[in-house]
Protein backbone atom coordinates (compact mmCIF):
# COMPACT_ATOMS: atom_id res chain seq x y z
CA MET A 1 -1.89 23.93 -12.24
CA GLN A 2 -0.75 24.89 -15.65
CA LYS A 3 -1.90 22.93 -18.66
CA THR A 4 1.45 21.51 -19.79
CA ARG A 5 2.05 18.48 -21.97
CA LEU A 6 3.30 16.50 -18.99
CA ASN A 7 0.17 17.27 -16.96
CA THR A 8 -2.00 16.36 -19.95
CA LEU A 9 -0.11 13.09 -20.36
CA PHE A 10 -0.57 12.17 -16.69
CA ASP A 11 -4.24 13.10 -16.81
CA ASN A 12 -4.77 10.89 -19.87
CA ILE A 13 -2.96 7.99 -18.21
CA GLN A 14 -5.08 8.37 -15.09
CA ILE A 15 -8.30 8.45 -17.12
CA ARG A 16 -7.33 5.33 -19.06
CA LEU A 17 -6.36 3.41 -15.92
CA ASN A 18 -9.65 4.36 -14.26
CA GLN A 19 -11.53 3.15 -17.33
CA LEU A 20 -9.51 -0.07 -17.34
CA PHE A 21 -10.24 -0.84 -13.69
CA THR A 22 -13.95 -0.04 -13.72
CA ASN A 23 -14.49 -3.75 -14.41
CA PRO A 24 -15.09 -5.39 -11.00
CA TRP A 25 -12.99 -8.48 -11.78
CA ARG A 26 -10.00 -6.37 -12.74
CA ARG A 27 -10.38 -4.31 -9.60
CA ILE A 28 -10.59 -7.46 -7.46
CA SER A 29 -7.53 -8.98 -9.14
CA LEU A 30 -5.57 -5.75 -8.65
CA SER A 31 -6.62 -5.69 -5.00
CA LEU A 32 -5.56 -9.31 -4.52
CA MET A 33 -2.20 -8.67 -6.17
CA SER A 34 -1.70 -5.66 -3.92
CA LEU A 35 -2.54 -7.71 -0.82
CA LEU A 36 -0.10 -10.46 -1.80
CA LEU A 37 2.62 -7.96 -2.69
CA GLY A 38 2.19 -6.30 0.70
CA PHE A 39 2.45 -9.71 2.36
CA PHE A 40 5.64 -10.49 0.42
CA ILE A 41 7.24 -7.11 1.15
CA GLY A 42 6.36 -7.45 4.84
CA GLN A 43 8.06 -10.80 5.09
CA ALA A 44 11.08 -9.54 3.16
CA VAL A 45 11.44 -6.50 5.42
CA SER A 46 11.09 -8.52 8.61
CA THR A 47 13.71 -11.07 7.59
CA THR A 48 16.18 -8.50 6.25
CA ALA A 49 15.84 -6.09 9.15
CA GLY A 50 16.07 -8.95 11.62
CA GLN A 51 19.58 -9.86 10.50
CA GLU A 52 21.05 -6.49 11.45
CA ALA A 53 20.04 -6.02 15.07
CA TYR A 54 20.91 -2.32 15.29
CA TRP A 55 18.41 -1.39 12.51
CA ASP A 56 15.39 -2.88 14.29
CA ILE A 57 14.21 0.27 16.07
CA THR A 58 14.78 2.52 13.05
CA ILE A 59 12.94 0.19 10.68
CA ALA A 60 10.08 -0.20 13.17
CA GLY A 61 9.74 3.58 13.40
CA PHE A 62 9.57 3.93 9.63
CA LEU A 63 7.02 1.12 9.35
CA ILE A 64 4.77 2.66 11.99
CA LEU A 65 5.01 6.03 10.26
CA PHE A 66 4.19 4.39 6.90
CA THR A 67 1.17 2.46 8.14
CA GLU A 68 -0.26 5.27 10.25
CA THR A 69 0.07 7.81 7.42
CA ILE A 70 -1.76 5.53 5.02
CA SER A 71 -4.45 4.83 7.61
CA ARG A 72 -4.96 8.51 8.34
CA VAL A 73 -5.34 9.36 4.64
CA ALA A 74 -7.43 6.30 3.75
CA TYR A 75 -9.87 6.61 6.64
CA SER A 76 -10.19 10.39 6.64
CA GLN A 77 -13.53 12.13 6.26
CA ILE A 78 -12.72 13.55 2.85
CA GLN A 79 -15.15 11.94 0.41
CA GLN A 80 -13.11 12.81 -2.68
CA LEU A 81 -10.18 10.66 -1.56
CA LYS A 82 -12.35 7.63 -0.80
CA LYS A 83 -13.08 7.07 -4.47
CA LYS A 84 -9.44 7.05 -5.60
CA LEU A 85 -8.18 3.73 -6.91
CA TRP A 86 -4.56 4.31 -5.91
CA LEU A 87 -5.55 5.01 -2.32
CA GLU A 88 -7.65 1.86 -2.13
CA ILE A 89 -4.80 -0.23 -3.54
CA LEU A 90 -2.28 1.37 -1.17
CA ASN A 91 -4.55 0.65 1.79
CA ILE A 92 -4.91 -2.99 0.76
CA PHE A 93 -1.12 -3.17 0.37
CA LYS A 94 -0.82 -1.85 3.94
CA ILE A 95 -3.27 -4.48 5.19
CA GLY A 96 -1.20 -7.26 3.59
CA PHE A 97 1.97 -5.73 4.98
CA VAL A 98 0.66 -5.54 8.55
CA TYR A 99 -0.83 -9.04 8.29
CA SER A 100 2.55 -10.45 7.29
CA LEU A 101 4.23 -8.76 10.25
CA TYR A 102 1.66 -10.31 12.62
CA PHE A 103 2.15 -13.66 10.92
CA GLU A 104 5.94 -13.44 11.37
CA ALA A 105 5.48 -12.53 15.04
CA LEU A 106 3.21 -15.56 15.56
CA LYS A 107 5.75 -17.82 13.88
CA LEU A 108 8.53 -16.53 16.10
CA ALA A 109 6.49 -16.79 19.29
CA SER A 110 5.54 -20.44 18.78
């Protein structure tokens, strides 16, 4: 890539965020917030998509595509991607999202 001001700005932001989240407590709190946000978004999607019955199959297809794409990238064999903070946070978000969908299914089945 070219060395533009925008690329330099994004590189500096990424370096500062990585330095900020090297502290284990900050990383744990960011992971917990991501898990809870995924849980909240999962419940919001399930209740909103459940009201319009003709969107159920389309939304389910998008959700499967979303979760499987994140899983494929997060659990790939590439060692460089395993150390990325954004990928770890996105994977934890996905875990909270899927957990909330299972939780909603258990509530509806009982």
